[in-house]
Amino acid sequence: MGDHLLKNTIKVERAKQNMTQADLALKVGVSRKTINTIETGRFIPTTVTAIRIARAFGLGVEEIFTLED
């Protein structure tokens, strides 16, 4: 396995739905800081959190998160 980066479109999806990090955090059941660190790529979410984020936007996980080499 090489070094992979988990990219995400959380910020874009939040903007489309006029949602703040705090709004998303409330829907997902995590802190705003957790959303911030996931959004900026400093933290990789658990599978459960990734699924909850995707569901909050009405999307599939792979529509939010992508693995890049």
PDB file of N, CA and C in Angstrom:
ATOM      1  N   MET A   1       0.832  -1.189   0.000  1.00  0.00           N
ATOM      2  CA  MET A   1       0.000   0.000   0.000  1.00  0.00           C
ATOM      3  C   MET A   1       0.872   1.246   0.000  1.00  0.00           C
ATOM      4  N   GLY A   2       0.514   2.188  -0.835  1.00  0.00           N
ATOM      5  CA  GLY A   2       1.251   3.438  -0.875  1.00  0.00           C
ATOM      6  C   GLY A   2       0.607   4.460   0.039  1.00  0.00           C
ATOM      7  N   ASP A   3       1.123   5.652  -0.051  1.00  0.00           N
ATOM      8  CA  ASP A   3       0.530   6.737   0.716  1.00  0.00           C
ATOM      9  C   ASP A   3      -0.702   7.239  -0.029  1.00  0.00           C
ATOM     10  N   HIS A   4      -1.816   7.226   0.644  1.00  0.00           N
ATOM     11  CA  HIS A   4      -3.060   7.693   0.043  1.00  0.00           C
ATOM     12  C   HIS A   4      -3.610   8.851   0.866  1.00  0.00           C
ATOM     13  N   LEU A   5      -4.279   9.733   0.182  1.00  0.00           N
ATOM     14  CA  LEU A   5      -4.938  10.847   0.850  1.00  0.00           C
ATOM     15  C   LEU A   5      -6.438  10.712   0.671  1.00  0.00           C
ATOM     16  N   LEU A   6      -7.171  10.932   1.717  1.00  0.00           N
ATOM     17  CA  LEU A   6      -8.621  10.907   1.640  1.00  0.00           C
ATOM     18  C   LEU A   6      -9.101  12.332   1.397  1.00  0.00           C
ATOM     19  N   LYS A   7      -9.563  12.577   0.196  1.00  0.00           N
ATOM     20  CA  LYS A   7     -10.090  13.898  -0.157  1.00  0.00           C
ATOM     21  C   LYS A   7     -11.583  13.914   0.090  1.00  0.00           C
ATOM     22  N   ASN A   8     -12.139  15.096   0.293  1.00  0.00           N
ATOM     23  CA  ASN A   8     -13.585  15.179   0.488  1.00  0.00           C
ATOM     24  C   ASN A   8     -14.140  16.479  -0.087  1.00  0.00           C
ATOM     25  N   THR A   9     -15.447  16.477  -0.299  1.00  0.00           N
ATOM     26  CA  THR A   9     -16.141  17.651  -0.837  1.00  0.00           C
ATOM     27  C   THR A   9     -17.123  18.226   0.190  1.00  0.00           C
ATOM     28  N   ILE A  10     -16.805  18.049   1.451  1.00  0.00           N
ATOM     29  CA  ILE A  10     -17.714  18.505   2.509  1.00  0.00           C
ATOM     30  C   ILE A  10     -17.998  20.004   2.401  1.00  0.00           C
ATOM     31  N   LYS A  11     -16.952  20.794   2.222  1.00  0.00           N
ATOM     32  CA  LYS A  11     -17.140  22.249   2.158  1.00  0.00           C
ATOM     33  C   LYS A  11     -18.064  22.637   1.001  1.00  0.00           C
ATOM     34  N   VAL A  12     -17.872  22.002  -0.145  1.00  0.00           N
ATOM     35  CA  VAL A  12     -18.706  22.267  -1.322  1.00  0.00           C
ATOM     36  C   VAL A  12     -20.160  21.876  -1.050  1.00  0.00           C
ATOM     37  N   GLU A  13     -20.342  20.693  -0.484  1.00  0.00           N
ATOM     38  CA  GLU A  13     -21.705  20.227  -0.199  1.00  0.00           C
ATOM     39  C   GLU A  13     -22.386  21.101   0.851  1.00  0.00           C
ATOM     40  N   ARG A  14     -21.624  21.553   1.840  1.00  0.00           N
ATOM     41  CA  ARG A  14     -22.208  22.448   2.845  1.00  0.00           C
ATOM     42  C   ARG A  14     -22.674  23.741   2.197  1.00  0.00           C
ATOM     43  N   ALA A  15     -21.859  24.268   1.291  1.00  0.00           N
ATOM     44  CA  ALA A  15     -22.207  25.519   0.610  1.00  0.00           C
ATOM     45  C   ALA A  15     -23.469  25.336  -0.240  1.00  0.00           C
ATOM     46  N   LYS A  16     -23.573  24.208  -0.929  1.00  0.00           N
ATOM     47  CA  LYS A  16     -24.751  23.939  -1.765  1.00  0.00           C
ATOM     48  C   LYS A  16     -26.025  23.934  -0.929  1.00  0.00           C
ATOM     49  N   GLN A  17     -25.913  23.458   0.312  1.00  0.00           N
ATOM     50  CA  GLN A  17     -27.085  23.337   1.174  1.00  0.00           C
ATOM     51  C   GLN A  17     -27.165  24.454   2.213  1.00  0.00           C
ATOM     52  N   ASN A  18     -26.298  25.471   2.065  1.00  0.00           N
ATOM     53  CA  ASN A  18     -26.291  26.611   2.981  1.00  0.00           C
ATOM     54  C   ASN A  18     -26.212  26.136   4.434  1.00  0.00           C
ATOM     55  N   MET A  19     -25.241  25.252   4.691  1.00  0.00           N
ATOM     56  CA  MET A  19     -25.094  24.610   5.992  1.00  0.00           C
ATOM     57  C   MET A  19     -23.753  25.011   6.610  1.00  0.00           C
ATOM     58  N   THR A  20     -23.754  25.343   7.880  1.00  0.00           N
ATOM     59  CA  THR A  20     -22.507  25.654   8.570  1.00  0.00           C
ATOM     60  C   THR A  20     -21.865  24.357   9.069  1.00  0.00           C
ATOM     61  N   GLN A  21     -20.625  24.456   9.495  1.00  0.00           N
ATOM     62  CA  GLN A  21     -19.976  23.297  10.104  1.00  0.00           C
ATOM     63  C   GLN A  21     -20.750  22.861  11.346  1.00  0.00           C
ATOM     64  N   ALA A  22     -21.252  23.823  12.103  1.00  0.00           N
ATOM     65  CA  ALA A  22     -22.021  23.515  13.310  1.00  0.00           C
ATOM     66  C   ALA A  22     -23.319  22.784  12.955  1.00  0.00           C
ATOM     67  N   ASP A  23     -23.972  23.214  11.877  1.00  0.00           N
ATOM     68  CA  ASP A  23     -25.203  22.548  11.435  1.00  0.00           C
ATOM     69  C   ASP A  23     -24.923  21.086  11.090  1.00  0.00           C
ATOM     70  N   LEU A  24     -23.856  20.865  10.330  1.00  0.00           N
ATOM     71  CA  LEU A  24     -23.498  19.508   9.927  1.00  0.00           C
ATOM     72  C   LEU A  24     -23.113  18.671  11.142  1.00  0.00           C
ATOM     73  N   ALA A  25     -22.345  19.264  12.036  1.00  0.00           N
ATOM     74  CA  ALA A  25     -21.930  18.549  13.245  1.00  0.00           C
ATOM     75  C   ALA A  25     -23.136  18.068  14.042  1.00  0.00           C
ATOM     76  N   LEU A  26     -24.145  18.914  14.155  1.00  0.00           N
ATOM     77  CA  LEU A  26     -25.360  18.557  14.880  1.00  0.00           C
ATOM     78  C   LEU A  26     -26.063  17.371  14.221  1.00  0.00           C
ATOM     79  N   LYS A  27     -26.147  17.393  12.887  1.00  0.00           N
ATOM     80  CA  LYS A  27     -26.800  16.304  12.156  1.00  0.00           C
ATOM     81  C   LYS A  27     -26.024  14.990  12.272  1.00  0.00           C
ATOM     82  N   VAL A  28     -24.701  15.099  12.319  1.00  0.00           N
ATOM     83  CA  VAL A  28     -23.840  13.912  12.332  1.00  0.00           C
ATOM     84  C   VAL A  28     -23.629  13.378  13.752  1.00  0.00           C
ATOM     85  N   GLY A  29     -23.736  14.262  14.746  1.00  0.00           N
ATOM     86  CA  GLY A  29     -23.527  13.852  16.134  1.00  0.00           C
ATOM     87  C   GLY A  29     -22.086  13.934  16.585  1.00  0.00           C
ATOM     88  N   VAL A  30     -21.362  14.904  16.010  1.00  0.00           N
ATOM     89  CA  VAL A  30     -19.972  15.147  16.398  1.00  0.00           C
ATOM     90  C   VAL A  30     -19.805  16.639  16.681  1.00  0.00           C
ATOM     91  N   SER A  31     -18.611  17.041  17.087  1.00  0.00           N
ATOM     92  CA  SER A  31     -18.369  18.462  17.350  1.00  0.00           C
ATOM     93  C   SER A  31     -18.081  19.218  16.057  1.00  0.00           C
ATOM     94  N   ARG A  32     -18.236  20.535  16.120  1.00  0.00           N
ATOM     95  CA  ARG A  32     -17.909  21.365  14.964  1.00  0.00           C
ATOM     96  C   ARG A  32     -16.430  21.225  14.631  1.00  0.00           C
ATOM     97  N   LYS A  33     -15.597  21.121  15.657  1.00  0.00           N
ATOM     98  CA  LYS A  33     -14.153  20.968  15.439  1.00  0.00           C
ATOM     99  C   LYS A  33     -13.848  19.672  14.681  1.00  0.00           C
ATOM    100  N   THR A  34     -14.575  18.613  14.982  1.00  0.00           N
ATOM    101  CA  THR A  34     -14.385  17.358  14.260  1.00  0.00           C
ATOM    102  C   THR A  34     -14.713  17.541  12.784  1.00  0.00           C
ATOM    103  N   ILE A  35     -15.819  18.201  12.494  1.00  0.00           N
ATOM    104  CA  ILE A  35     -16.176  18.472  11.087  1.00  0.00           C
ATOM    105  C   ILE A  35     -15.072  19.286  10.435  1.00  0.00           C
ATOM    106  N   ASN A  36     -14.574  20.297  11.125  1.00  0.00           N
ATOM    107  CA  ASN A  36     -13.505  21.134  10.580  1.00  0.00           C
ATOM    108  C   ASN A  36     -12.262  20.317  10.255  1.00  0.00           C
ATOM    109  N   THR A  37     -11.845  19.451  11.162  1.00  0.00           N
ATOM    110  CA  THR A  37     -10.613  18.690  10.927  1.00  0.00           C
ATOM    111  C   THR A  37     -10.788  17.643   9.824  1.00  0.00           C
ATOM    112  N   ILE A  38     -11.996  17.098   9.681  1.00  0.00           N
ATOM    113  CA  ILE A  38     -12.262  16.171   8.574  1.00  0.00           C
ATOM    114  C   ILE A  38     -12.280  16.946   7.259  1.00  0.00           C
ATOM    115  N   GLU A  39     -12.984  18.062   7.252  1.00  0.00           N
ATOM    116  CA  GLU A  39     -13.136  18.889   6.051  1.00  0.00           C
ATOM    117  C   GLU A  39     -11.786  19.353   5.507  1.00  0.00           C
ATOM    118  N   THR A  40     -10.871  19.701   6.394  1.00  0.00           N
ATOM    119  CA  THR A  40      -9.563  20.207   5.969  1.00  0.00           C
ATOM    120  C   THR A  40      -8.543  19.098   5.756  1.00  0.00           C
ATOM    121  N   GLY A  41      -8.946  17.849   5.973  1.00  0.00           N
ATOM    122  CA  GLY A  41      -8.060  16.722   5.709  1.00  0.00           C
ATOM    123  C   GLY A  41      -7.056  16.408   6.800  1.00  0.00           C
ATOM    124  N   ARG A  42      -7.207  17.034   7.966  1.00  0.00           N
ATOM    125  CA  ARG A  42      -6.288  16.763   9.077  1.00  0.00           C
ATOM    126  C   ARG A  42      -6.677  15.528   9.875  1.00  0.00           C
ATOM    127  N   PHE A  43      -7.901  15.045   9.659  1.00  0.00           N
ATOM    128  CA  PHE A  43      -8.398  13.895  10.402  1.00  0.00           C
ATOM    129  C   PHE A  43      -9.209  13.015   9.454  1.00  0.00           C
ATOM    130  N   ILE A  44      -8.991  11.702   9.521  1.00  0.00           N
ATOM    131  CA  ILE A  44      -9.757  10.760   8.716  1.00  0.00           C
ATOM    132  C   ILE A  44     -10.903  10.242   9.578  1.00  0.00           C
ATOM    133  N   PRO A  45     -12.136  10.397   9.099  1.00  0.00           N
ATOM    134  CA  PRO A  45     -13.279   9.983   9.921  1.00  0.00           C
ATOM    135  C   PRO A  45     -13.407   8.464  10.000  1.00  0.00           C
ATOM    136  N   THR A  46     -14.087   8.011  11.027  1.00  0.00           N
ATOM    137  CA  THR A  46     -14.428   6.596  11.102  1.00  0.00           C
ATOM    138  C   THR A  46     -15.422   6.301   9.982  1.00  0.00           C
ATOM    139  N   THR A  47     -15.591   5.048   9.698  1.00  0.00           N
ATOM    140  CA  THR A  47     -16.562   4.640   8.675  1.00  0.00           C
ATOM    141  C   THR A  47     -17.959   5.122   9.041  1.00  0.00           C
ATOM    142  N   VAL A  48     -18.326   4.977  10.290  1.00  0.00           N
ATOM    143  CA  VAL A  48     -19.655   5.395  10.744  1.00  0.00           C
ATOM    144  C   VAL A  48     -19.842   6.898  10.552  1.00  0.00           C
ATOM    145  N   THR A  49     -18.849   7.676  10.920  1.00  0.00           N
ATOM    146  CA  THR A  49     -18.951   9.131  10.761  1.00  0.00           C
ATOM    147  C   THR A  49     -19.024   9.514   9.290  1.00  0.00           C
ATOM    148  N   ALA A  50     -18.232   8.864   8.448  1.00  0.00           N
ATOM    149  CA  ALA A  50     -18.271   9.145   7.005  1.00  0.00           C
ATOM    150  C   ALA A  50     -19.656   8.853   6.430  1.00  0.00           C
ATOM    151  N   ILE A  51     -20.256   7.750   6.850  1.00  0.00           N
ATOM    152  CA  ILE A  51     -21.608   7.405   6.386  1.00  0.00           C
ATOM    153  C   ILE A  51     -22.614   8.435   6.875  1.00  0.00           C
ATOM    154  N   ARG A  52     -22.491   8.854   8.124  1.00  0.00           N
ATOM    155  CA  ARG A  52     -23.415   9.864   8.665  1.00  0.00           C
ATOM    156  C   ARG A  52     -23.282  11.200   7.936  1.00  0.00           C
ATOM    157  N   ILE A  53     -22.049  11.578   7.594  1.00  0.00           N
ATOM    158  CA  ILE A  53     -21.836  12.819   6.832  1.00  0.00           C
ATOM    159  C   ILE A  53     -22.509  12.712   5.470  1.00  0.00           C
ATOM    160  N   ALA A  54     -22.276  11.611   4.787  1.00  0.00           N
ATOM    161  CA  ALA A  54     -22.883  11.423   3.468  1.00  0.00           C
ATOM    162  C   ALA A  54     -24.405  11.453   3.558  1.00  0.00           C
ATOM    163  N   ARG A  55     -24.962  10.781   4.541  1.00  0.00           N
ATOM    164  CA  ARG A  55     -26.421  10.765   4.717  1.00  0.00           C
ATOM    165  C   ARG A  55     -26.974  12.152   5.014  1.00  0.00           C
ATOM    166  N   ALA A  56     -26.209  12.950   5.747  1.00  0.00           N
ATOM    167  CA  ALA A  56     -26.652  14.317   6.064  1.00  0.00           C
ATOM    168  C   ALA A  56     -26.845  15.133   4.791  1.00  0.00           C
ATOM    169  N   PHE A  57     -26.081  14.789   3.756  1.00  0.00           N
ATOM    170  CA  PHE A  57     -26.200  15.480   2.465  1.00  0.00           C
ATOM    171  C   PHE A  57     -27.110  14.741   1.491  1.00  0.00           C
ATOM    172  N   GLY A  58     -27.576  13.547   1.885  1.00  0.00           N
ATOM    173  CA  GLY A  58     -28.403  12.756   0.976  1.00  0.00           C
ATOM    174  C   GLY A  58     -27.597  12.144  -0.155  1.00  0.00           C
ATOM    175  N   LEU A  59     -26.322  11.852   0.119  1.00  0.00           N
ATOM    176  CA  LEU A  59     -25.424  11.322  -0.900  1.00  0.00           C
ATOM    177  C   LEU A  59     -24.778  10.027  -0.431  1.00  0.00           C
ATOM    178  N   GLY A  60     -24.135   9.338  -1.361  1.00  0.00           N
ATOM    179  CA  GLY A  60     -23.360   8.157  -1.017  1.00  0.00           C
ATOM    180  C   GLY A  60     -21.987   8.569  -0.506  1.00  0.00           C
ATOM    181  N   VAL A  61     -21.356   7.702   0.256  1.00  0.00           N
ATOM    182  CA  VAL A  61     -20.041   8.003   0.837  1.00  0.00           C
ATOM    183  C   VAL A  61     -19.023   8.361  -0.249  1.00  0.00           C
ATOM    184  N   GLU A  62     -19.019   7.632  -1.351  1.00  0.00           N
ATOM    185  CA  GLU A  62     -18.036   7.888  -2.405  1.00  0.00           C
ATOM    186  C   GLU A  62     -18.325   9.154  -3.208  1.00  0.00           C
ATOM    187  N   GLU A  63     -19.471   9.759  -2.975  1.00  0.00           N
ATOM    188  CA  GLU A  63     -19.756  11.056  -3.581  1.00  0.00           C
ATOM    189  C   GLU A  63     -19.135  12.181  -2.745  1.00  0.00           C
ATOM    190  N   ILE A  64     -18.797  11.888  -1.499  1.00  0.00           N
ATOM    191  CA  ILE A  64     -18.187  12.859  -0.589  1.00  0.00           C
ATOM    192  C   ILE A  64     -16.693  12.603  -0.443  1.00  0.00           C
ATOM    193  N   PHE A  65     -16.330  11.347  -0.264  1.00  0.00           N
ATOM    194  CA  PHE A  65     -14.948  10.981   0.005  1.00  0.00           C
ATOM    195  C   PHE A  65     -14.331  10.210  -1.164  1.00  0.00           C
ATOM    196  N   THR A  66     -13.102  10.599  -1.541  1.00  0.00           N
ATOM    197  CA  THR A  66     -12.376   9.877  -2.585  1.00  0.00           C
ATOM    198  C   THR A  66     -10.954   9.638  -2.116  1.00  0.00           C
ATOM    199  N   LEU A  67     -10.407   8.512  -2.531  1.00  0.00           N
ATOM    200  CA  LEU A  67      -9.047   8.130  -2.170  1.00  0.00           C
ATOM    201  C   LEU A  67      -8.129   8.489  -3.321  1.00  0.00           C
ATOM    202  N   GLU A  68      -7.095   9.274  -3.036  1.00  0.00           N
ATOM    203  CA  GLU A  68      -6.139   9.687  -4.062  1.00  0.00           C
ATOM    204  C   GLU A  68      -4.747   9.186  -3.715  1.00  0.00           C
ATOM    205  N   ASP A  69      -4.001   8.793  -4.732  1.00  0.00           N
ATOM    206  CA  ASP A  69      -2.613   8.355  -4.542  1.00  0.00           C
ATOM    207  C   ASP A  69      -1.718   9.537  -4.284  1.00  0.00           C
TER     208      ASP A  69
END
